[in-house]
Protein backbone atom coordinates (compact mmCIF):
# COMPACT_ATOMS: atom_id res chain seq x y z
CA MET A 1 35.55 91.43 -150.14
CA SER A 2 36.88 87.94 -150.66
CA SER A 3 36.81 86.14 -153.98
CA SER A 4 36.81 82.39 -154.42
CA ALA A 5 39.61 80.84 -156.45
CA SER A 6 38.54 79.72 -159.90
CA LEU A 7 38.63 75.97 -160.45
CA PRO A 8 39.86 74.42 -163.72
CA VAL A 9 37.14 73.04 -165.91
CA SER A 10 37.56 69.30 -166.43
CA ARG A 11 36.71 67.92 -169.85
CA PRO A 12 35.37 64.40 -170.19
CA ARG A 13 37.78 62.07 -171.86
CA ARG A 14 36.74 61.02 -175.30
CA TRP A 15 37.11 57.25 -175.39
CA TRP A 16 34.99 56.59 -178.45
CA PRO A 17 37.78 57.14 -181.05
CA TRP A 18 39.84 54.48 -179.29
CA ILE A 19 36.87 52.14 -179.11
CA VAL A 20 36.26 52.55 -182.86
CA LEU A 21 39.96 52.01 -183.61
CA ILE A 22 40.11 48.85 -181.49
CA GLY A 23 36.94 47.57 -183.16
CA LEU A 24 38.42 48.12 -186.63
CA LEU A 25 41.63 46.37 -185.65
CA LEU A 26 39.65 43.38 -184.36
CA LEU A 27 37.74 43.21 -187.65
CA VAL A 28 41.01 43.25 -189.58
CA VAL A 29 42.41 40.43 -187.44
CA LEU A 30 39.22 38.37 -187.74
CA ARG A 31 39.08 38.86 -191.51
CA GLY A 32 42.73 38.10 -191.99
CA LEU A 33 43.07 35.10 -189.69
CA VAL A 34 39.65 33.68 -188.82
CA VAL A 35 36.86 34.38 -191.32
CA GLU A 36 36.44 35.83 -194.78
CA THR A 37 33.43 36.34 -197.04
CA PHE A 38 33.11 35.53 -200.73
CA SER A 39 30.52 35.81 -203.48
CA VAL A 40 29.85 32.74 -205.65
CA PRO A 41 30.59 33.75 -209.28
CA SER A 42 29.33 30.73 -211.25
CA ALA A 43 26.96 27.77 -211.28
CA SER A 44 29.75 25.18 -210.90
CA MET A 45 28.56 24.28 -207.37
CA SER A 46 24.84 24.10 -208.18
CA PRO A 47 22.55 22.98 -206.60
CA THR A 48 24.51 23.42 -203.35
CA LEU A 49 25.53 27.00 -204.15
CA HIS A 50 24.10 29.40 -206.71
CA VAL A 51 25.42 32.42 -208.57
CA GLY A 52 25.40 35.42 -206.25
CA ASP A 53 25.30 33.44 -203.01
CA ARG A 54 27.43 35.04 -200.32
CA ILE A 55 29.33 32.67 -198.09
CA VAL A 56 31.48 32.75 -194.97
CA VAL A 57 34.77 30.86 -195.00
CA TRP A 58 36.32 29.53 -191.77
CA LYS A 59 40.05 29.95 -192.31
CA PRO A 60 41.32 27.65 -189.53
CA GLY A 61 39.39 24.86 -191.30
CA ALA A 62 42.06 24.86 -194.01
CA HIS A 63 44.28 22.91 -191.60
CA ASP A 64 41.70 20.16 -190.91
CA LEU A 65 40.20 19.07 -194.21
CA HIS A 66 37.82 16.15 -194.71
CA ARG A 67 36.36 14.52 -197.79
CA GLY A 68 33.14 16.29 -198.70
CA ASP A 69 34.18 19.66 -197.27
CA LEU A 70 33.31 22.75 -199.28
CA ILE A 71 36.42 24.88 -199.61
CA VAL A 72 37.65 28.10 -201.16
CA PHE A 73 41.21 28.02 -202.51
CA ASP A 74 43.57 30.19 -204.48
CA GLY A 75 43.69 28.78 -208.01
CA ASP A 76 46.71 30.73 -209.21
CA GLY A 77 49.17 28.32 -210.80
CA VAL A 78 46.68 25.43 -210.50
CA PHE A 79 43.53 26.18 -212.52
CA ALA A 80 44.71 29.64 -213.60
CA GLN A 81 48.09 30.95 -214.67
CA SER A 82 49.79 33.05 -212.03
CA PRO A 83 49.86 36.68 -213.19
CA PRO A 84 53.15 38.59 -213.00
CA ALA A 85 53.67 40.28 -209.67
CA PRO A 86 52.64 43.94 -209.93
CA GLY A 87 55.15 46.62 -209.04
CA GLY A 88 54.98 50.18 -207.81
CA LEU A 89 51.74 51.39 -206.23
CA ALA A 90 49.74 48.38 -207.44
CA GLY A 91 52.21 46.03 -205.79
CA ALA A 92 52.07 48.00 -202.55
CA VAL A 93 48.25 47.94 -202.54
CA ARG A 94 48.25 44.19 -203.16
CA SER A 95 50.75 43.62 -200.34
CA VAL A 96 48.64 45.64 -197.90
CA GLY A 97 45.54 43.78 -199.03
CA THR A 98 47.22 40.43 -198.39
CA VAL A 99 48.15 41.51 -194.86
CA LEU A 100 44.55 42.56 -194.22
CA GLY A 101 43.14 39.32 -195.64
CA VAL A 102 41.83 40.93 -198.83
CA ARG A 103 43.04 39.34 -202.07
CA VAL A 104 43.22 41.79 -204.94
CA GLY A 105 43.18 40.52 -208.54
CA GLU A 106 43.61 36.84 -207.66
CA THR A 107 41.54 33.85 -208.75
CA ASP A 108 39.66 32.06 -205.99
CA TYR A 109 37.56 28.92 -206.51
CA VAL A 110 34.91 27.20 -204.43
CA LYS A 111 34.79 23.38 -204.83
CA ARG A 112 34.22 20.19 -202.85
CA VAL A 113 37.06 18.06 -201.48
CA ILE A 114 36.87 14.65 -203.15
CA GLY A 115 40.26 13.18 -202.32
CA LEU A 116 42.83 13.76 -199.58
CA PRO A 117 46.60 13.12 -199.75
CA GLY A 118 47.26 9.44 -200.49
CA ASP A 119 43.70 8.64 -201.61
CA HIS A 120 43.22 6.43 -204.67
CA LEU A 121 40.41 7.90 -206.79
CA GLN A 122 38.75 6.12 -209.70
CA VAL A 123 35.80 6.76 -212.00
CA GLY A 124 35.12 4.21 -214.72
CA SER A 125 32.69 4.04 -217.61
CA ASP A 126 29.82 3.60 -215.14
CA GLY A 127 30.41 7.11 -213.76
CA VAL A 128 30.67 5.92 -210.15
CA LEU A 129 33.28 7.51 -207.89
CA MET A 130 35.47 5.05 -205.99
CA VAL A 131 37.68 6.24 -203.14
CA ASN A 132 40.21 3.69 -201.91
CA GLY A 133 38.14 0.92 -203.48
CA ALA A 134 34.78 1.93 -201.97
CA ALA A 135 31.90 3.52 -203.90
CA VAL A 136 30.91 6.98 -202.69
CA ASP A 137 27.26 8.04 -202.42
CA GLU A 138 27.37 11.67 -203.56
CA ASN A 139 23.85 12.63 -202.50
CA TYR A 140 24.65 16.34 -202.95
CA LEU A 141 24.74 15.99 -206.76
CA PRO A 142 21.78 16.98 -208.96
CA ALA A 143 19.31 14.12 -209.40
CA GLY A 144 20.32 11.72 -212.17
CA THR A 145 23.90 13.04 -212.39
CA SER A 146 26.82 10.63 -212.37
CA SER A 147 29.98 11.40 -210.41
CA SER A 148 31.86 12.14 -213.61
CA ALA A 149 31.48 11.67 -217.35
CA THR A 150 35.28 11.80 -217.50
CA ALA A 151 36.95 8.57 -216.44
CA PHE A 152 40.10 8.89 -214.35
CA ASP A 153 42.38 6.93 -212.06
CA ILE A 154 44.69 8.92 -209.81
CA ARG A 155 46.59 8.66 -206.55
CA VAL A 156 46.44 12.05 -204.79
CA PRO A 157 50.02 13.23 -204.10
CA ALA A 158 51.19 14.11 -200.61
CA GLY A 159 50.33 17.65 -199.57
CA ARG A 160 47.61 18.01 -202.21
CA ILE A 161 43.84 17.46 -202.60
CA PHE A 162 41.53 16.55 -205.48
CA VAL A 163 38.45 18.77 -205.90
CA MET A 164 35.29 18.80 -208.01
CA GLY A 165 32.26 21.06 -208.35
CA ASP A 166 28.82 19.67 -207.57
CA ASN A 167 27.58 20.68 -211.03
CA ARG A 168 29.74 18.04 -212.70
CA ILE A 169 28.73 18.93 -216.26
CA ALA A 170 29.70 22.61 -215.85
CA SER A 171 32.65 22.76 -213.47
CA ASP A 172 36.29 23.56 -214.14
CA ASP A 173 37.94 21.35 -211.53
CA SER A 174 40.66 18.76 -211.01
CA ARG A 175 39.28 16.53 -213.80
CA ASN A 176 39.97 19.23 -216.40
CA HIS A 177 43.63 19.44 -215.42
CA LEU A 178 44.62 15.77 -215.07
CA GLY A 179 47.44 16.28 -217.59
CA ASP A 180 48.86 19.32 -215.81
CA PRO A 181 51.66 19.16 -213.24
CA GLY A 182 50.16 17.74 -210.05
CA GLY A 183 47.39 15.98 -211.98
CA GLY A 184 44.91 18.77 -211.35
CA THR A 185 45.31 18.51 -207.59
CA VAL A 186 45.43 21.59 -205.34
CA PRO A 187 48.27 22.22 -202.85
CA GLU A 188 46.92 22.18 -199.31
CA ASP A 189 48.70 25.43 -198.54
CA GLN A 190 46.59 27.20 -201.19
CA VAL A 191 43.34 26.37 -199.39
CA ILE A 192 41.91 29.55 -197.85
CA GLY A 193 39.35 27.81 -195.64
CA THR A 194 36.16 25.77 -195.42
CA VAL A 195 32.73 27.13 -196.34
CA THR A 196 30.62 27.10 -193.19
CA TRP A 197 27.76 29.54 -193.71
CA ARG A 198 25.63 31.17 -196.40
CA TYR A 199 24.31 34.57 -195.35
CA TRP A 200 22.78 35.73 -198.64
CA PRO A 201 20.15 35.50 -199.98
CA LEU A 202 18.28 35.72 -196.70
CA GLY A 203 15.85 32.97 -197.67
CA SER A 204 18.76 30.50 -198.06
CA TRP A 205 20.93 31.50 -195.11
CA GLY A 206 22.26 28.79 -192.88
CA THR A 207 25.13 26.40 -192.25
CA LEU A 208 26.80 24.52 -195.09
CA ARG A 209 29.22 22.42 -193.07
């Protein structure tokens, strides 16, 4: 009586763990280099942005700024004092977070670009913003609001930008730091990116560019 040789049982290859891993790596790369999300913490950008709005920031936009852009930037050393660098486990966690595009314990601000490097900005007693000698129509401001109740005259230094919140009577911005080093301006290399989209609340979702 003949017996047939037993054949080895083939097991299907499990690709899904690799697919999940690749997907997670792509998300990390996108978050670290391309996009990042933020929650608006205050009313300083009202009526354009409101407390609790969730926004998407386009990080490559940090290298191509225009007047009027909405931006998110790291305010450490500009509008806020830089905290001492943490050591030990906290420092390691912060370093990993930076690599992954997640800032831990830092101060980020959302404001509007008013002046670019080399721009001459002026606001007189009439509250009208002048950029390089021309009046600016800031139609994004609340009705009846002047450009600034604080008069100023500044030439934006090279490599820096001048920013203000749309809620001019309740915004901590470049005007509040005119006497600080840099005249309240923000280094371009501290800009995280431009605000391009609001995805929450659902009733207000849409582009902001």
